[in-house]
């Protein structure tokens, strides 16, 4: 008799997948910042310098954030979703979007005073873009690293046999 369900991901599986999703999100966020800076300045040299120099210097803090903040948050949210909801291919996208939304929400509470004014539309669009990057990286990490739930092999099913 087995006490562990081998078909369901463990906390380590979620943590490992969270690290992979954080790496994907880092590249996506770096691209978003590079594109937004290029649109603002219109200079190709600033795009290249932000992508290369900014990417190299921000990699060390990004690893720390991934190891200590985003991967554990994704692990907790993933375990809650696994226990509360039926298995689905959409768990990674919801998890990634929830982690990014929670981080942005905490940042907004810390830095802005919404009682006086809302952020400008550019800031809101940038935040929505970050949440979309989080959702996309969570979806991609679930599909490539976690590989749960396993899709049903319809060719092996003999429904009408």
N, C-alpha and C. Protein backbone atom coordinates (compact mmCIF):
# COMPACT_ATOMS: atom_id res chain seq x y z
N UNK A 1 0.85 -1.19 0.00
CA UNK A 1 0.00 0.00 0.00
C UNK A 1 0.89 1.24 0.00
N UNK A 2 0.62 2.14 -0.92
CA UNK A 2 1.42 3.34 -1.05
C UNK A 2 0.71 4.52 -0.38
N UNK A 3 1.47 5.29 0.34
CA UNK A 3 0.91 6.46 1.01
C UNK A 3 1.13 7.73 0.21
N UNK A 4 1.85 7.65 -0.90
CA UNK A 4 2.13 8.81 -1.73
C UNK A 4 1.48 8.60 -3.09
N UNK A 5 0.74 9.60 -3.53
CA UNK A 5 0.14 9.57 -4.87
C UNK A 5 1.21 9.99 -5.86
N UNK A 6 1.74 9.04 -6.62
CA UNK A 6 2.84 9.34 -7.53
C UNK A 6 2.40 10.15 -8.73
N UNK A 7 1.12 10.24 -9.00
CA UNK A 7 0.64 11.02 -10.13
C UNK A 7 0.53 12.50 -9.85
N UNK A 8 0.53 12.87 -8.58
CA UNK A 8 0.40 14.29 -8.22
C UNK A 8 1.77 14.87 -7.90
N UNK A 9 2.00 16.12 -8.27
CA UNK A 9 3.31 16.73 -8.00
C UNK A 9 3.52 16.97 -6.51
N UNK A 10 4.76 16.87 -6.10
CA UNK A 10 5.14 17.13 -4.72
C UNK A 10 5.50 18.61 -4.56
N UNK A 11 5.79 19.01 -3.33
CA UNK A 11 6.20 20.39 -3.08
C UNK A 11 7.51 20.70 -3.81
N UNK A 12 8.43 19.74 -3.85
CA UNK A 12 9.69 19.97 -4.56
C UNK A 12 9.44 20.13 -6.06
N UNK A 13 8.51 19.37 -6.61
CA UNK A 13 8.17 19.53 -8.03
C UNK A 13 7.64 20.93 -8.31
N UNK A 14 6.78 21.42 -7.42
CA UNK A 14 6.26 22.79 -7.59
C UNK A 14 7.37 23.83 -7.44
N UNK A 15 8.27 23.61 -6.50
CA UNK A 15 9.38 24.56 -6.28
C UNK A 15 10.29 24.59 -7.51
N UNK A 16 10.65 23.42 -8.03
CA UNK A 16 11.50 23.32 -9.21
C UNK A 16 10.81 24.00 -10.41
N UNK A 17 9.53 23.77 -10.55
CA UNK A 17 8.78 24.39 -11.65
C UNK A 17 8.69 25.90 -11.45
N UNK A 18 8.57 26.34 -10.19
CA UNK A 18 8.55 27.76 -9.90
C UNK A 18 9.85 28.45 -10.26
N UNK A 19 10.97 27.76 -10.04
CA UNK A 19 12.26 28.33 -10.43
C UNK A 19 12.35 28.46 -11.95
N UNK A 20 11.87 27.45 -12.66
CA UNK A 20 11.87 27.49 -14.12
C UNK A 20 10.94 28.61 -14.62
N UNK A 21 9.77 28.73 -14.02
CA UNK A 21 8.84 29.79 -14.42
C UNK A 21 9.43 31.17 -14.12
N UNK A 22 10.16 31.29 -13.02
CA UNK A 22 10.80 32.57 -12.69
C UNK A 22 11.86 32.94 -13.72
N UNK A 23 12.61 31.94 -14.19
CA UNK A 23 13.62 32.21 -15.22
C UNK A 23 12.96 32.67 -16.52
N UNK A 24 11.86 32.02 -16.89
CA UNK A 24 11.14 32.40 -18.10
C UNK A 24 10.57 33.81 -17.93
N UNK A 25 10.00 34.09 -16.77
CA UNK A 25 9.44 35.42 -16.51
C UNK A 25 10.52 36.49 -16.51
N UNK A 26 11.73 36.16 -16.01
CA UNK A 26 12.81 37.13 -16.00
C UNK A 26 13.17 37.57 -17.41
N UNK A 27 13.27 36.61 -18.32
CA UNK A 27 13.58 36.94 -19.71
C UNK A 27 12.44 37.76 -20.32
N UNK A 28 11.20 37.39 -20.00
CA UNK A 28 10.06 38.14 -20.51
C UNK A 28 10.01 39.57 -19.97
N UNK A 29 10.28 39.73 -18.68
CA UNK A 29 10.27 41.07 -18.08
C UNK A 29 11.41 41.91 -18.63
N UNK A 30 12.57 41.28 -18.82
CA UNK A 30 13.70 42.00 -19.41
C UNK A 30 13.35 42.47 -20.82
N UNK A 31 12.67 41.63 -21.58
CA UNK A 31 12.23 42.04 -22.91
C UNK A 31 11.20 43.15 -22.86
N UNK A 32 10.26 43.08 -21.92
CA UNK A 32 9.24 44.13 -21.79
C UNK A 32 9.87 45.47 -21.42
N UNK A 33 10.82 45.45 -20.48
CA UNK A 33 11.50 46.69 -20.08
C UNK A 33 12.32 47.23 -21.25
N UNK A 34 12.99 46.36 -21.98
CA UNK A 34 13.78 46.79 -23.13
C UNK A 34 12.90 47.43 -24.20
N UNK A 35 11.78 46.80 -24.49
CA UNK A 35 10.87 47.35 -25.51
C UNK A 35 10.27 48.67 -25.05
N UNK A 36 9.87 48.74 -23.78
CA UNK A 36 9.27 49.99 -23.30
C UNK A 36 10.30 51.12 -23.26
N UNK A 37 11.55 50.81 -22.97
CA UNK A 37 12.58 51.85 -23.01
C UNK A 37 12.87 52.27 -24.44
N UNK A 38 12.86 51.32 -25.35
CA UNK A 38 13.12 51.65 -26.76
C UNK A 38 12.01 52.52 -27.33
N UNK A 39 10.76 52.24 -26.93
CA UNK A 39 9.65 53.06 -27.39
C UNK A 39 9.78 54.47 -26.83
N UNK A 40 10.23 54.58 -25.59
CA UNK A 40 10.38 55.89 -24.96
C UNK A 40 11.51 56.70 -25.53
N UNK A 41 12.66 56.06 -25.79
CA UNK A 41 13.82 56.81 -26.25
C UNK A 41 14.02 56.74 -27.75
N UNK A 42 13.63 55.63 -28.37
CA UNK A 42 13.78 55.47 -29.80
C UNK A 42 15.20 55.17 -30.24
N UNK A 43 16.05 54.77 -29.31
CA UNK A 43 17.45 54.53 -29.63
C UNK A 43 17.76 53.04 -29.59
N UNK A 44 18.24 52.46 -30.70
CA UNK A 44 18.60 51.05 -30.69
C UNK A 44 19.76 50.73 -29.75
N UNK A 45 20.68 51.67 -29.58
CA UNK A 45 21.82 51.42 -28.69
C UNK A 45 21.37 51.31 -27.24
N UNK A 46 20.35 52.09 -26.85
CA UNK A 46 19.85 51.98 -25.48
C UNK A 46 19.14 50.64 -25.28
N UNK A 47 18.50 50.14 -26.33
CA UNK A 47 17.86 48.82 -26.25
C UNK A 47 18.90 47.74 -25.98
N UNK A 48 19.96 47.75 -26.74
CA UNK A 48 21.00 46.73 -26.60
C UNK A 48 21.68 46.85 -25.23
N UNK A 49 21.97 48.07 -24.80
CA UNK A 49 22.65 48.22 -23.52
C UNK A 49 21.75 47.80 -22.36
N UNK A 50 20.48 48.11 -22.42
CA UNK A 50 19.57 47.69 -21.35
C UNK A 50 19.44 46.17 -21.34
N UNK A 51 19.32 45.56 -22.51
CA UNK A 51 19.13 44.12 -22.57
C UNK A 51 20.37 43.37 -22.08
N UNK A 52 21.55 43.80 -22.50
CA UNK A 52 22.77 43.07 -22.13
C UNK A 52 23.26 43.47 -20.73
N UNK A 53 23.52 44.75 -20.53
CA UNK A 53 24.08 45.18 -19.24
C UNK A 53 23.05 45.04 -18.13
N UNK A 54 21.82 45.48 -18.37
CA UNK A 54 20.78 45.34 -17.36
C UNK A 54 20.47 43.89 -17.06
N UNK A 55 20.48 43.06 -18.10
CA UNK A 55 20.24 41.64 -17.89
C UNK A 55 21.32 40.97 -17.07
N UNK A 56 22.56 41.36 -17.29
CA UNK A 56 23.65 40.75 -16.53
C UNK A 56 23.66 41.22 -15.08
N UNK A 57 23.50 42.52 -14.86
CA UNK A 57 23.56 43.04 -13.50
C UNK A 57 22.33 42.67 -12.67
N UNK A 58 21.21 42.49 -13.31
CA UNK A 58 20.00 42.16 -12.55
C UNK A 58 19.79 40.66 -12.40
N UNK A 59 20.67 39.85 -12.98
CA UNK A 59 20.51 38.39 -12.88
C UNK A 59 20.71 37.91 -11.45
N UNK A 60 21.65 38.46 -10.73
CA UNK A 60 21.91 38.01 -9.35
C UNK A 60 20.73 38.33 -8.44
N UNK A 61 20.20 39.56 -8.42
CA UNK A 61 19.00 39.77 -7.60
C UNK A 61 17.80 38.95 -8.07
N UNK A 62 17.69 38.72 -9.39
CA UNK A 62 16.58 37.92 -9.90
C UNK A 62 16.65 36.49 -9.39
N UNK A 63 17.85 35.93 -9.29
CA UNK A 63 18.00 34.58 -8.75
C UNK A 63 17.58 34.56 -7.29
N UNK A 64 17.99 35.56 -6.53
CA UNK A 64 17.58 35.63 -5.12
C UNK A 64 16.08 35.77 -4.96
N UNK A 65 15.47 36.60 -5.79
CA UNK A 65 14.02 36.76 -5.73
C UNK A 65 13.32 35.46 -6.10
N UNK A 66 13.84 34.76 -7.11
CA UNK A 66 13.23 33.49 -7.53
C UNK A 66 13.35 32.43 -6.44
N UNK A 67 14.53 32.32 -5.83
CA UNK A 67 14.76 31.27 -4.83
C UNK A 67 13.98 31.53 -3.55
N UNK A 68 13.92 32.79 -3.12
CA UNK A 68 13.35 33.08 -1.81
C UNK A 68 11.92 33.63 -1.82
N UNK A 69 11.44 34.11 -2.96
CA UNK A 69 10.11 34.74 -2.97
C UNK A 69 9.16 34.06 -3.96
N UNK A 70 9.47 34.12 -5.26
CA UNK A 70 8.48 33.69 -6.24
C UNK A 70 8.28 32.18 -6.28
N UNK A 71 9.36 31.39 -6.21
CA UNK A 71 9.19 29.93 -6.24
C UNK A 71 8.45 29.42 -5.00
N UNK A 72 8.76 29.90 -3.78
CA UNK A 72 7.95 29.45 -2.64
C UNK A 72 6.49 29.89 -2.72
N UNK A 73 6.24 31.12 -3.23
CA UNK A 73 4.85 31.56 -3.39
C UNK A 73 4.12 30.68 -4.39
N UNK A 74 4.77 30.37 -5.51
CA UNK A 74 4.17 29.49 -6.50
C UNK A 74 3.94 28.09 -5.95
N UNK A 75 4.84 27.63 -5.10
CA UNK A 75 4.69 26.32 -4.48
C UNK A 75 3.46 26.28 -3.59
N UNK A 76 3.28 27.29 -2.77
CA UNK A 76 2.12 27.33 -1.87
C UNK A 76 0.82 27.46 -2.67
N UNK A 77 0.80 28.36 -3.64
CA UNK A 77 -0.41 28.53 -4.45
C UNK A 77 -0.71 27.26 -5.23
N UNK A 78 0.33 26.60 -5.76
CA UNK A 78 0.13 25.36 -6.51
C UNK A 78 -0.44 24.24 -5.65
N UNK A 79 0.05 24.12 -4.42
CA UNK A 79 -0.46 23.08 -3.52
C UNK A 79 -1.91 23.36 -3.14
N UNK A 80 -2.23 24.62 -2.90
CA UNK A 80 -3.62 24.99 -2.59
C UNK A 80 -4.52 24.68 -3.78
N UNK A 81 -4.08 25.03 -4.99
CA UNK A 81 -4.88 24.75 -6.18
C UNK A 81 -5.02 23.25 -6.41
N UNK A 82 -3.96 22.49 -6.17
CA UNK A 82 -4.01 21.04 -6.37
C UNK A 82 -5.01 20.39 -5.44
N UNK A 83 -5.09 20.89 -4.20
CA UNK A 83 -6.01 20.31 -3.23
C UNK A 83 -7.45 20.78 -3.44
N UNK A 84 -7.64 22.01 -3.90
CA UNK A 84 -8.98 22.58 -3.97
C UNK A 84 -9.67 22.41 -5.32
N UNK A 85 -8.90 22.27 -6.39
CA UNK A 85 -9.47 22.27 -7.73
C UNK A 85 -9.14 20.98 -8.47
N UNK A 86 -9.95 20.63 -9.45
CA UNK A 86 -9.62 19.44 -10.25
C UNK A 86 -8.38 19.72 -11.11
N UNK A 87 -7.63 18.68 -11.48
CA UNK A 87 -6.44 18.89 -12.30
C UNK A 87 -6.79 19.53 -13.63
N UNK A 88 -5.93 20.42 -14.06
CA UNK A 88 -6.16 21.09 -15.32
C UNK A 88 -4.88 21.66 -15.89
N UNK A 89 -4.86 21.84 -17.20
CA UNK A 89 -3.70 22.42 -17.87
C UNK A 89 -3.59 23.92 -17.61
N UNK A 90 -4.57 24.52 -17.03
CA UNK A 90 -4.60 25.96 -16.78
C UNK A 90 -4.03 26.33 -15.41
N UNK A 91 -3.68 25.35 -14.57
CA UNK A 91 -3.16 25.65 -13.23
C UNK A 91 -1.90 26.51 -13.28
N UNK A 92 -1.00 26.21 -14.21
CA UNK A 92 0.24 26.97 -14.31
C UNK A 92 0.01 28.43 -14.65
N UNK A 93 -0.91 28.69 -15.57
CA UNK A 93 -1.20 30.07 -15.96
C UNK A 93 -1.83 30.84 -14.80
N UNK A 94 -2.76 30.21 -14.11
CA UNK A 94 -3.40 30.88 -12.97
C UNK A 94 -2.38 31.11 -11.86
N UNK A 95 -1.53 30.12 -11.62
CA UNK A 95 -0.53 30.23 -10.58
C UNK A 95 0.47 31.35 -10.89
N UNK A 96 0.98 31.38 -12.13
CA UNK A 96 1.93 32.43 -12.51
C UNK A 96 1.31 33.81 -12.45
N UNK A 97 0.08 33.94 -12.94
CA UNK A 97 -0.60 35.23 -12.87
C UNK A 97 -0.89 35.65 -11.44
N UNK A 98 -1.25 34.68 -10.59
CA UNK A 98 -1.53 35.00 -9.19
C UNK A 98 -0.27 35.44 -8.45
N UNK A 99 0.85 34.77 -8.71
CA UNK A 99 2.11 35.17 -8.06
C UNK A 99 2.50 36.57 -8.50
N UNK A 100 2.45 36.83 -9.80
CA UNK A 100 2.82 38.16 -10.29
C UNK A 100 1.84 39.22 -9.80
N UNK A 101 0.55 38.91 -9.80
CA UNK A 101 -0.44 39.86 -9.31
C UNK A 101 -0.28 40.15 -7.83
N UNK A 102 0.04 39.12 -7.05
CA UNK A 102 0.25 39.32 -5.62
C UNK A 102 1.48 40.18 -5.36
N UNK A 103 2.55 39.93 -6.09
CA UNK A 103 3.76 40.75 -5.93
C UNK A 103 3.49 42.20 -6.33
N UNK A 104 2.81 42.39 -7.47
CA UNK A 104 2.51 43.76 -7.89
C UNK A 104 1.54 44.44 -6.93
N UNK A 105 0.57 43.68 -6.41
CA UNK A 105 -0.36 44.26 -5.44
C UNK A 105 0.34 44.70 -4.16
N UNK A 106 1.25 43.88 -3.66
CA UNK A 106 2.01 44.26 -2.47
C UNK A 106 2.91 45.46 -2.75
N UNK A 107 3.51 45.48 -3.94
CA UNK A 107 4.33 46.63 -4.33
C UNK A 107 3.49 47.90 -4.43
N UNK A 108 2.30 47.78 -4.99
CA UNK A 108 1.42 48.94 -5.13
C UNK A 108 0.96 49.45 -3.75
N UNK A 109 0.66 48.53 -2.85
CA UNK A 109 0.28 48.96 -1.51
C UNK A 109 1.43 49.65 -0.80
N UNK A 110 2.63 49.19 -1.05
CA UNK A 110 3.80 49.77 -0.40
C UNK A 110 4.18 51.12 -1.00
N UNK A 111 4.07 51.27 -2.33
CA UNK A 111 4.59 52.47 -2.95
C UNK A 111 3.60 53.55 -3.31
N UNK A 112 2.36 53.19 -3.58
CA UNK A 112 1.41 54.19 -4.05
C UNK A 112 0.36 54.47 -3.01
N UNK A 113 -0.18 55.66 -3.09
CA UNK A 113 -1.33 56.02 -2.28
C UNK A 113 -2.52 56.12 -3.22
N UNK A 114 -3.33 55.05 -3.29
CA UNK A 114 -4.46 55.04 -4.21
C UNK A 114 -5.62 55.90 -3.70
N UNK A 115 -5.53 56.36 -2.47
CA UNK A 115 -6.60 57.21 -1.97
C UNK A 115 -6.60 58.55 -2.70
N UNK A 116 -5.44 59.02 -3.10
CA UNK A 116 -5.34 60.31 -3.77
C UNK A 116 -5.58 60.19 -5.27
N UNK A 117 -4.91 59.22 -5.91
CA UNK A 117 -5.02 59.11 -7.36
C UNK A 117 -4.66 57.70 -7.80
N UNK A 118 -5.17 57.34 -8.98
CA UNK A 118 -4.82 56.07 -9.60
C UNK A 118 -3.57 56.27 -10.44
N UNK A 119 -2.83 55.20 -10.69
CA UNK A 119 -1.67 55.35 -11.58
C UNK A 119 -2.11 55.70 -13.00
N UNK A 120 -1.20 56.25 -13.75
CA UNK A 120 -1.53 56.62 -15.13
C UNK A 120 -1.76 55.36 -15.97
N UNK A 121 -2.40 55.50 -17.13
CA UNK A 121 -2.72 54.33 -17.96
C UNK A 121 -1.49 53.53 -18.40
N UNK A 122 -0.37 54.19 -18.64
CA UNK A 122 0.85 53.48 -19.03
C UNK A 122 1.33 52.53 -17.94
N UNK A 123 1.23 52.97 -16.70
CA UNK A 123 1.62 52.11 -15.58
C UNK A 123 0.67 50.93 -15.45
N UNK A 124 -0.62 51.16 -15.63
CA UNK A 124 -1.59 50.06 -15.56
C UNK A 124 -1.36 49.05 -16.68
N UNK A 125 -1.09 49.52 -17.89
CA UNK A 125 -0.83 48.61 -19.01
C UNK A 125 0.46 47.83 -18.77
N UNK A 126 1.47 48.47 -18.22
CA UNK A 126 2.73 47.79 -17.90
C UNK A 126 2.47 46.70 -16.84
N UNK A 127 1.65 47.01 -15.83
CA UNK A 127 1.31 46.00 -14.81
C UNK A 127 0.54 44.84 -15.38
N UNK A 128 -0.39 45.12 -16.29
CA UNK A 128 -1.15 44.05 -16.95
C UNK A 128 -0.21 43.20 -17.79
N UNK A 129 0.76 43.84 -18.44
CA UNK A 129 1.76 43.10 -19.21
C UNK A 129 2.59 42.19 -18.32
N UNK A 130 2.94 42.67 -17.13
CA UNK A 130 3.70 41.84 -16.19
C UNK A 130 2.88 40.64 -15.72
N UNK A 131 1.60 40.85 -15.46
CA UNK A 131 0.74 39.73 -15.06
C UNK A 131 0.60 38.73 -16.21
N UNK A 132 0.51 39.23 -17.43
CA UNK A 132 0.44 38.33 -18.59
C UNK A 132 1.74 37.54 -18.75
N UNK A 133 2.87 38.16 -18.50
CA UNK A 133 4.15 37.45 -18.56
C UNK A 133 4.20 36.38 -17.47
N UNK A 134 3.71 36.71 -16.26
CA UNK A 134 3.66 35.72 -15.19
C UNK A 134 2.77 34.54 -15.54
N UNK A 135 1.62 34.82 -16.13
CA UNK A 135 0.70 33.74 -16.51
C UNK A 135 1.30 32.89 -17.63
N UNK A 136 1.91 33.53 -18.60
CA UNK A 136 2.53 32.77 -19.69
C UNK A 136 3.70 31.92 -19.22
N UNK A 137 4.51 32.46 -18.33
CA UNK A 137 5.64 31.67 -17.84
C UNK A 137 5.17 30.52 -16.96
N UNK A 138 4.11 30.72 -16.19
CA UNK A 138 3.56 29.61 -15.40
C UNK A 138 2.98 28.52 -16.28
N UNK A 139 2.29 28.92 -17.34
CA UNK A 139 1.73 27.94 -18.27
C UNK A 139 2.83 27.16 -18.96
N UNK A 140 3.86 27.86 -19.44
CA UNK A 140 4.95 27.20 -20.14
C UNK A 140 5.73 26.28 -19.20
N UNK A 141 5.96 26.73 -17.97
CA UNK A 141 6.68 25.88 -17.01
C UNK A 141 5.88 24.64 -16.65
N UNK A 142 4.57 24.77 -16.54
CA UNK A 142 3.76 23.58 -16.25
C UNK A 142 3.83 22.60 -17.41
N UNK A 143 3.79 23.10 -18.62
CA UNK A 143 3.82 22.22 -19.80
C UNK A 143 5.18 21.56 -20.00
N UNK A 144 6.28 22.27 -19.68
CA UNK A 144 7.60 21.73 -19.97
C UNK A 144 8.25 21.05 -18.78
N UNK A 145 8.09 21.58 -17.59
CA UNK A 145 8.80 21.04 -16.43
C UNK A 145 7.94 20.14 -15.57
N UNK A 146 6.77 20.61 -15.20
CA UNK A 146 5.91 19.84 -14.29
C UNK A 146 5.22 18.69 -15.02
N UNK A 147 4.73 18.96 -16.21
CA UNK A 147 4.05 17.96 -17.04
C UNK A 147 2.94 17.26 -16.26
N UNK A 148 2.11 18.05 -15.60
CA UNK A 148 0.96 17.53 -14.85
C UNK A 148 -0.24 18.40 -15.15
N UNK A 149 -1.39 17.92 -15.29
CA UNK A 149 -1.76 16.51 -15.38
C UNK A 149 -1.38 15.94 -16.73
N UNK A 150 -1.12 14.67 -16.73
CA UNK A 150 -0.73 13.99 -17.97
C UNK A 150 -1.96 13.90 -18.87
N UNK A 151 -1.84 14.33 -20.12
CA UNK A 151 -3.00 14.25 -21.02
C UNK A 151 -3.41 12.79 -21.24
N UNK A 152 -4.68 12.59 -21.44
CA UNK A 152 -5.22 11.25 -21.67
C UNK A 152 -4.85 10.81 -23.09
N UNK A 153 -4.33 9.59 -23.20
CA UNK A 153 -4.01 9.03 -24.50
C UNK A 153 -5.28 8.43 -25.08
N UNK A 154 -5.88 9.15 -26.01
CA UNK A 154 -7.15 8.72 -26.57
C UNK A 154 -7.02 7.51 -27.48
N UNK A 155 -5.84 7.28 -28.02
CA UNK A 155 -5.66 6.14 -28.91
C UNK A 155 -5.69 4.82 -28.14
N UNK A 156 -5.37 4.85 -26.84
CA UNK A 156 -5.37 3.63 -26.03
C UNK A 156 -6.75 3.31 -25.50
N UNK A 157 -7.69 4.23 -25.63
CA UNK A 157 -9.03 4.01 -25.10
C UNK A 157 -9.86 3.24 -26.13
N UNK A 158 -10.40 2.14 -25.70
CA UNK A 158 -11.28 1.33 -26.55
C UNK A 158 -12.72 1.53 -26.09
N UNK A 159 -13.27 2.64 -26.46
CA UNK A 159 -14.61 2.97 -25.99
C UNK A 159 -15.65 2.13 -26.73
N UNK A 160 -15.48 1.98 -28.03
CA UNK A 160 -16.49 1.29 -28.83
C UNK A 160 -16.08 -0.12 -29.22
N UNK A 161 -15.06 -0.64 -28.55
CA UNK A 161 -14.59 -2.00 -28.91
C UNK A 161 -15.44 -3.06 -28.25
